[in-house]
């Protein structure tokens, strides 16, 4: 029987001057030999395989390299230098199997790859059986939407506190990602609460279906705390008491309408706006205040549409919500488009949902 060393040396000598097709055939033969005895070779024998394979793989076409990498990715003792060559190959069809499966890639090599290669390489890394916090930090920092989603969906991923914070930030505009993070059993409670607060009402309803117990606990904890704190702040504010008395008088006299709300908004009279919308929408003032100070616009648009306000008044409410912060014109344009598409019937249904929710949470 021909020895491993003898066959490899013969192949190494034969490769000089051989055609690409001949080199690909040699690489296949070497791979067959290695896979046949994987797990039984000595360190010197693996080094010899490494030397010959590394020389051959550089000289064959992408298809041959890809097939080679796919086979070698499952070997627990795959030669480390050739594994690195494959993992850092610019052709993702060559690199992906190794990046996704090979146990021979160290954390340092995976981090280096994630920091330097293209998104398809990062996506392959995100699919590994296990991912450390160090690796996921890089994937979340450099990865595009697909990479981030894949990393979050991988149950073998481990995230640092900063990693979870990044995931929650990204999920505020990505419903699929929000649902994925919400479903993870390892998400810290602090991140869970912030996620629940930051997503849209539509997404929040889907979160409730997935984990009703956690959603109920968060609603109770956050809602009661917010109402209590806001109530104390309002009770101690003379401006609020004055505005409340004035707006309630207008409401009782039948004079509280869109024109009055617009005048409050243009004057940046936050208390007047909050009390007025609370009365017109028949909602607790805490709910309205939170809608006016949150970073998202959806709830303000819904409330305005539900009570029949026009765009001029709604825009003024958004500017009150922003305070000293400037709202980019592109964001205002998006809000206008959403407000225009929004049906009054839909908005009133949402308003009724808010009322029922508040009623049940305080019963």
Protein backbone atom coordinates (compact mmCIF):
# COMPACT_ATOMS: atom_id res chain seq x y z
CA UNK A 1 0.00 0.00 0.00
CA UNK A 2 1.33 3.45 -0.90
CA UNK A 3 2.16 5.53 2.20
CA UNK A 4 0.54 8.89 2.82
CA UNK A 5 3.89 10.63 2.61
CA UNK A 6 4.82 8.81 -0.60
CA UNK A 7 1.57 9.69 -2.38
CA UNK A 8 1.69 13.30 -1.29
CA UNK A 9 5.27 13.73 -2.40
CA UNK A 10 4.45 12.16 -5.77
CA UNK A 11 1.53 14.57 -6.19
CA UNK A 12 3.64 17.54 -5.14
CA UNK A 13 6.27 16.68 -7.73
CA UNK A 14 3.66 16.06 -10.43
CA UNK A 15 1.93 19.38 -9.92
CA UNK A 16 4.80 21.27 -11.48
CA UNK A 17 3.76 22.19 -14.99
CA UNK A 18 0.36 20.45 -14.72
CA UNK A 19 -2.76 21.97 -16.22
CA UNK A 20 -5.57 23.48 -14.09
CA UNK A 21 -7.72 20.41 -14.75
CA UNK A 22 -4.88 18.12 -13.71
CA UNK A 23 -4.30 20.12 -10.51
CA UNK A 24 -8.00 19.94 -9.68
CA UNK A 25 -7.86 16.16 -10.07
CA UNK A 26 -4.80 16.02 -7.83
CA UNK A 27 -6.59 18.11 -5.21
CA UNK A 28 -9.53 15.72 -5.35
CA UNK A 29 -7.24 12.72 -4.83
CA UNK A 30 -5.50 14.33 -1.89
CA UNK A 31 -8.85 15.25 -0.36
CA UNK A 32 -10.14 11.70 -0.83
CA UNK A 33 -7.08 10.39 0.96
CA UNK A 34 -7.38 12.88 3.80
CA UNK A 35 -11.11 12.37 4.37
CA UNK A 36 -10.60 8.61 4.37
CA UNK A 37 -8.23 8.84 7.32
CA UNK A 38 -9.38 12.01 9.05
CA UNK A 39 -8.98 11.75 12.80
CA UNK A 40 -6.12 9.24 12.56
CA UNK A 41 -3.26 11.30 11.14
CA UNK A 42 -0.29 12.44 13.19
CA UNK A 43 0.64 16.11 13.47
CA UNK A 44 3.53 15.78 10.94
CA UNK A 45 1.20 14.06 8.45
CA UNK A 46 -1.39 16.84 8.79
CA UNK A 47 1.36 19.40 8.22
CA UNK A 48 2.30 17.57 5.04
CA UNK A 49 -1.32 17.56 3.85
CA UNK A 50 -1.47 21.26 4.70
CA UNK A 51 1.57 22.05 2.57
CA UNK A 52 0.38 20.12 -0.47
CA UNK A 53 -3.27 21.20 -0.24
CA UNK A 54 -2.32 24.87 0.20
CA UNK A 55 -0.20 24.73 -2.92
CA UNK A 56 -2.88 23.01 -4.97
CA UNK A 57 -5.90 25.06 -3.87
CA UNK A 58 -4.29 28.31 -4.99
CA UNK A 59 -3.97 26.94 -8.51
CA UNK A 60 -7.48 25.66 -9.24
CA UNK A 61 -10.69 27.33 -10.37
CA UNK A 62 -13.48 28.53 -8.08
CA UNK A 63 -15.71 25.48 -8.63
CA UNK A 64 -12.93 23.12 -7.58
CA UNK A 65 -12.04 25.28 -4.57
CA UNK A 66 -15.68 25.40 -3.51
CA UNK A 67 -16.08 21.62 -3.69
CA UNK A 68 -12.82 21.16 -1.79
CA UNK A 69 -13.84 23.60 0.94
CA UNK A 70 -17.26 22.01 1.35
CA UNK A 71 -15.70 18.61 1.93
CA UNK A 72 -12.93 19.83 4.21
CA UNK A 73 -15.26 21.97 6.37
CA UNK A 74 -16.51 18.94 8.31
CA UNK A 75 -13.07 17.54 9.15
CA UNK A 76 -12.17 17.99 12.82
CA UNK A 77 -8.44 17.88 12.04
CA UNK A 78 -8.49 19.84 8.77
CA UNK A 79 -5.10 21.48 8.08
CA UNK A 80 -5.30 24.94 9.60
CA UNK A 81 -3.43 26.91 6.93
CA UNK A 82 -5.56 25.65 4.07
CA UNK A 83 -8.70 26.24 6.15
CA UNK A 84 -7.64 29.85 6.60
CA UNK A 85 -7.02 30.20 2.85
CA UNK A 86 -10.52 28.93 2.15
CA UNK A 87 -12.19 31.09 4.81
CA UNK A 88 -10.60 34.26 3.45
CA UNK A 89 -11.22 33.43 -0.22
CA UNK A 90 -12.99 36.36 -1.91
CA UNK A 91 -15.36 33.90 -3.62
CA UNK A 92 -18.11 33.38 -1.05
CA UNK A 93 -19.05 29.99 -2.52
CA UNK A 94 -15.58 28.86 -1.47
CA UNK A 95 -15.50 30.56 1.92
CA UNK A 96 -19.09 30.05 3.15
CA UNK A 97 -19.00 26.30 3.96
CA UNK A 98 -15.81 26.72 5.97
CA UNK A 99 -17.00 29.85 7.76
CA UNK A 100 -20.32 28.22 8.63
CA UNK A 101 -19.09 24.80 9.72
CA UNK A 102 -15.37 24.36 10.28
CA UNK A 103 -14.37 23.88 13.90
CA UNK A 104 -10.78 24.64 12.99
CA UNK A 105 -11.35 28.37 12.77
CA UNK A 106 -10.38 30.13 15.98
CA UNK A 107 -12.33 33.05 17.42
CA UNK A 108 -9.51 35.40 16.40
CA UNK A 109 -9.70 34.23 12.78
CA UNK A 110 -13.49 34.57 12.73
CA UNK A 111 -13.30 38.09 14.16
CA UNK A 112 -10.63 39.06 11.62
CA UNK A 113 -12.77 37.69 8.81
CA UNK A 114 -15.88 39.49 10.05
CA UNK A 115 -13.98 42.77 10.26
CA UNK A 116 -12.46 42.60 6.81
CA UNK A 117 -14.59 40.56 4.40
CA UNK A 118 -17.84 41.22 2.53
CA UNK A 119 -21.39 40.82 3.82
CA UNK A 120 -21.81 37.32 2.35
CA UNK A 121 -18.87 36.14 4.48
CA UNK A 122 -20.46 37.69 7.58
CA UNK A 123 -23.73 35.97 6.77
CA UNK A 124 -21.94 32.62 6.61
CA UNK A 125 -20.33 33.26 10.00
CA UNK A 126 -23.71 34.17 11.49
CA UNK A 127 -24.92 30.62 10.74
CA UNK A 128 -22.28 28.82 12.81
CA UNK A 129 -23.41 26.39 15.48
CA UNK A 130 -22.08 28.67 18.20
CA UNK A 131 -21.06 32.34 18.23
CA UNK A 132 -19.32 34.10 21.10
CA UNK A 133 -20.14 37.60 22.31
CA UNK A 134 -16.92 38.90 20.74
CA UNK A 135 -17.94 37.63 17.31
CA UNK A 136 -21.57 38.77 17.51
CA UNK A 137 -20.43 42.27 18.51
CA UNK A 138 -18.55 42.52 15.20
CA UNK A 139 -21.40 41.01 13.18
CA UNK A 140 -23.89 43.51 14.62
CA UNK A 141 -21.51 46.41 14.05
CA UNK A 142 -20.59 45.62 10.43
CA UNK A 143 -23.45 43.43 9.27
CA UNK A 144 -26.31 44.51 7.06
CA UNK A 145 -29.95 43.78 7.87
CA UNK A 146 -29.76 40.16 6.69
CA UNK A 147 -26.63 39.47 8.74
CA UNK A 148 -28.11 41.03 11.88
CA UNK A 149 -31.35 39.04 11.51
CA UNK A 150 -29.47 35.80 10.94
CA UNK A 151 -27.27 36.41 13.96
CA UNK A 152 -30.27 37.18 16.16
CA UNK A 153 -32.15 34.10 14.95
CA UNK A 154 -29.21 31.79 15.68
CA UNK A 155 -29.93 30.09 19.02
CA UNK A 156 -26.20 29.43 19.37
CA UNK A 157 -25.43 33.16 19.40
CA UNK A 158 -24.37 34.81 22.63
CA UNK A 159 -24.68 38.58 23.00
CA UNK A 160 -23.00 41.11 25.25
CA UNK A 161 -25.02 43.82 27.00
CA UNK A 162 -23.96 46.23 24.24
CA UNK A 163 -24.97 43.63 21.64
CA UNK A 164 -28.49 43.37 23.03
CA UNK A 165 -28.71 47.17 23.10
CA UNK A 166 -27.73 47.34 19.42
CA UNK A 167 -30.31 44.68 18.57
CA UNK A 168 -33.07 46.61 20.33
CA UNK A 169 -32.05 49.84 18.55
CA UNK A 170 -32.17 48.12 15.16
CA UNK A 171 -35.48 46.38 15.91
CA UNK A 172 -37.41 49.63 16.34
CA UNK A 173 -37.66 49.84 12.54
CA UNK A 174 -37.59 46.11 11.79
CA UNK A 175 -40.65 44.12 12.88
CA UNK A 176 -39.15 40.75 11.93
CA UNK A 177 -36.05 41.44 14.02
CA UNK A 178 -38.15 42.63 16.97
CA UNK A 179 -40.15 39.40 16.97
CA UNK A 180 -36.94 37.38 16.74
CA UNK A 181 -35.29 39.15 19.69
CA UNK A 182 -38.47 39.00 21.76
CA UNK A 183 -38.49 35.21 21.30
CA UNK A 184 -34.95 34.71 22.61
CA UNK A 185 -34.92 33.19 26.12
CA UNK A 186 -31.63 34.91 27.00
CA UNK A 187 -32.68 38.53 26.40
CA UNK A 188 -32.15 40.59 29.60
CA UNK A 189 -35.29 42.02 31.18
CA UNK A 190 -34.07 45.59 30.68
CA UNK A 191 -33.67 44.99 26.94
CA UNK A 192 -37.05 43.21 26.86
CA UNK A 193 -38.79 46.22 28.38
CA UNK A 194 -37.09 48.72 26.08
CA UNK A 195 -37.95 46.59 23.06
CA UNK A 196 -41.60 46.45 24.10
CA UNK A 197 -41.72 50.22 24.52
CA UNK A 198 -39.88 51.11 21.31
CA UNK A 199 -41.80 49.07 18.72
CA UNK A 200 -44.99 50.17 16.99
CA UNK A 201 -48.41 49.26 18.34
CA UNK A 202 -48.90 46.74 15.53
CA UNK A 203 -45.67 44.93 16.37
CA UNK A 204 -46.40 45.15 20.10
CA UNK A 205 -49.67 43.29 19.54
CA UNK A 206 -47.71 40.48 17.88
CA UNK A 207 -45.27 40.38 20.78
CA UNK A 208 -48.16 39.95 23.19
CA UNK A 209 -49.30 36.86 21.27
CA UNK A 210 -45.82 35.31 21.43
CA UNK A 211 -45.17 35.92 25.13
CA UNK A 212 -48.39 37.13 26.79
CA UNK A 213 -47.17 36.70 30.36
CA UNK A 214 -44.04 38.82 29.88
CA UNK A 215 -46.00 41.42 27.92
CA UNK A 216 -48.58 41.74 30.68
CA UNK A 217 -45.88 42.12 33.35
CA UNK A 218 -44.08 44.77 31.33
CA UNK A 219 -47.30 46.68 30.66
CA UNK A 220 -48.14 46.70 34.34
CA UNK A 221 -44.65 47.64 35.53
CA UNK A 222 -43.95 50.31 32.93
CA UNK A 223 -47.48 51.66 32.70
CA UNK A 224 -48.04 52.05 36.43
CA UNK A 225 -44.60 53.54 37.01
CA UNK A 226 -45.02 56.03 34.17
CA UNK A 227 -48.49 57.07 35.31
CA UNK A 228 -47.30 57.50 38.89
CA UNK A 229 -44.26 59.56 37.98
CA UNK A 230 -46.15 61.65 35.45
CA UNK A 231 -48.96 62.20 37.93
CA UNK A 232 -46.59 63.48 40.59
CA UNK A 233 -44.95 65.82 38.09
CA UNK A 234 -48.29 67.19 36.94
CA UNK A 235 -49.58 67.66 40.50
CA UNK A 236 -46.61 69.81 41.37
CA UNK A 237 -46.70 71.96 38.25
CA UNK A 238 -48.65 75.20 38.48
CA UNK A 239 -48.59 75.63 34.70
CA UNK A 240 -50.25 72.29 34.24
CA UNK A 241 -52.97 73.05 36.78
CA UNK A 242 -53.71 76.35 35.07
CA UNK A 243 -53.78 74.80 31.59
CA UNK A 244 -55.94 71.93 32.78
CA UNK A 245 -58.54 74.24 34.31
CA UNK A 246 -58.62 76.41 31.18
CA UNK A 247 -58.93 73.53 28.70
CA UNK A 248 -61.55 71.73 30.80
CA UNK A 249 -63.60 74.93 30.85
CA UNK A 250 -63.40 75.15 27.06
CA UNK A 251 -64.46 71.51 26.76
CA UNK A 252 -67.44 71.94 29.04
CA UNK A 253 -68.52 75.01 27.07
CA UNK A 254 -68.29 73.10 23.80
CA UNK A 255 -65.46 75.34 22.56
CA UNK A 256 -62.62 72.84 22.54
CA UNK A 257 -61.99 72.03 18.87
CA UNK A 258 -59.23 71.63 16.30
CA UNK A 259 -58.67 75.37 16.08
CA UNK A 260 -57.98 75.58 19.81
CA UNK A 261 -55.63 72.59 19.70
CA UNK A 262 -53.76 74.14 16.76
CA UNK A 263 -53.33 77.40 18.66
CA UNK A 264 -51.95 75.48 21.69
CA UNK A 265 -49.55 73.59 19.44
CA UNK A 266 -48.33 76.70 17.62
CA UNK A 267 -47.71 78.35 20.98
CA UNK A 268 -45.73 75.24 22.09
CA UNK A 269 -48.23 74.86 24.95
CA UNK A 270 -47.54 71.23 25.75
CA UNK A 271 -49.94 71.04 28.69
CA UNK A 272 -52.76 72.61 26.68
CA UNK A 273 -52.22 70.17 23.82
CA UNK A 274 -51.99 67.14 26.12
CA UNK A 275 -55.07 67.98 28.18
CA UNK A 276 -57.05 68.93 25.07
CA UNK A 277 -56.31 65.71 23.17
CA UNK A 278 -56.93 63.69 26.32
CA UNK A 279 -60.42 65.17 26.57
CA UNK A 280 -61.21 64.91 22.85
CA UNK A 281 -60.00 61.31 22.65
CA UNK A 282 -61.35 60.27 26.05
CA UNK A 283 -57.96 58.87 27.03
CA UNK A 284 -55.95 59.19 30.27
CA UNK A 285 -53.59 62.12 30.02
CA UNK A 286 -50.62 59.86 30.75
CA UNK A 287 -51.25 58.00 27.51
CA UNK A 288 -51.38 61.23 25.51
CA UNK A 289 -48.27 62.65 27.15
CA UNK A 290 -46.28 59.51 26.35
CA UNK A 291 -47.47 59.64 22.74
CA UNK A 292 -46.27 63.24 22.51
CA UNK A 293 -42.80 62.57 23.92
CA UNK A 294 -41.94 59.18 22.38
CA UNK A 295 -39.57 59.02 19.42
CA UNK A 296 -42.11 57.39 17.12
CA UNK A 297 -44.81 59.33 15.27
CA UNK A 298 -47.44 56.63 14.70
CA UNK A 299 -49.56 57.20 17.79
CA UNK A 300 -49.78 60.97 17.27
CA UNK A 301 -50.91 60.39 13.68
CA UNK A 302 -53.54 57.90 14.85
CA UNK A 303 -54.97 60.17 17.54
CA UNK A 304 -55.09 63.17 15.21
CA UNK A 305 -56.82 61.19 12.45
CA UNK A 306 -59.28 59.62 14.91
CA UNK A 307 -60.61 63.02 16.05
CA UNK A 308 -60.70 64.43 12.52
CA UNK A 309 -57.73 66.81 12.57
CA UNK A 310 -56.20 67.99 9.30
CA UNK A 311 -52.55 67.78 8.34
CA UNK A 312 -51.69 71.34 9.44
CA UNK A 313 -52.78 70.61 13.01
CA UNK A 314 -51.20 67.16 12.98
CA UNK A 315 -47.91 68.58 11.79
CA UNK A 316 -48.03 71.16 14.58
CA UNK A 317 -48.55 68.32 17.07
CA UNK A 318 -45.50 66.52 15.72
CA UNK A 319 -43.45 69.67 16.18
CA UNK A 320 -44.70 69.96 19.76
CA UNK A 321 -43.69 66.33 20.26
CA UNK A 322 -40.21 67.07 18.94
CA UNK A 323 -39.64 70.01 21.28
CA UNK A 324 -36.28 71.60 20.49
CA UNK A 325 -35.31 68.69 18.24
CA UNK A 326 -35.57 69.34 14.51
CA UNK A 327 -37.64 66.91 12.45
CA UNK A 328 -36.01 66.27 9.05
CA UNK A 329 -38.19 67.19 6.10
CA UNK A 330 -37.98 63.63 4.80
CA UNK A 331 -39.52 62.40 8.07
CA UNK A 332 -42.31 64.95 7.81
CA UNK A 333 -42.96 63.85 4.23
CA UNK A 334 -43.18 60.24 5.38
CA UNK A 335 -45.58 61.22 8.15
CA UNK A 336 -47.73 63.12 5.67
CA UNK A 337 -47.88 60.09 3.39
CA UNK A 338 -48.83 57.82 6.30
CA UNK A 339 -51.41 60.30 7.58
CA UNK A 340 -52.95 60.60 4.12
CA UNK A 341 -53.24 56.83 3.68
CA UNK A 342 -54.61 56.28 7.17
CA UNK A 343 -58.37 55.78 7.21
CA UNK A 344 -60.48 57.52 9.87
CA UNK A 345 -62.25 54.23 10.58
CA UNK A 346 -58.93 52.48 11.21
CA UNK A 347 -57.72 55.27 13.48
CA UNK A 348 -60.93 55.19 15.52
CA UNK A 349 -60.64 51.43 15.92
CA UNK A 350 -57.12 51.91 17.24
CA UNK A 351 -58.36 54.61 19.61
CA UNK A 352 -61.00 52.23 20.93
CA UNK A 353 -58.25 49.65 21.47
CA UNK A 354 -56.24 52.18 23.51
CA UNK A 355 -59.29 52.88 25.67
CA UNK A 356 -59.95 49.19 26.29
CA UNK A 357 -56.32 48.55 27.06
CA UNK A 358 -56.13 51.37 29.58
CA UNK A 359 -59.40 50.30 31.15
CA UNK A 360 -58.26 46.69 31.57
CA UNK A 361 -54.81 47.64 32.87
CA UNK A 362 -56.32 49.71 35.68
CA UNK A 363 -59.20 47.39 36.57
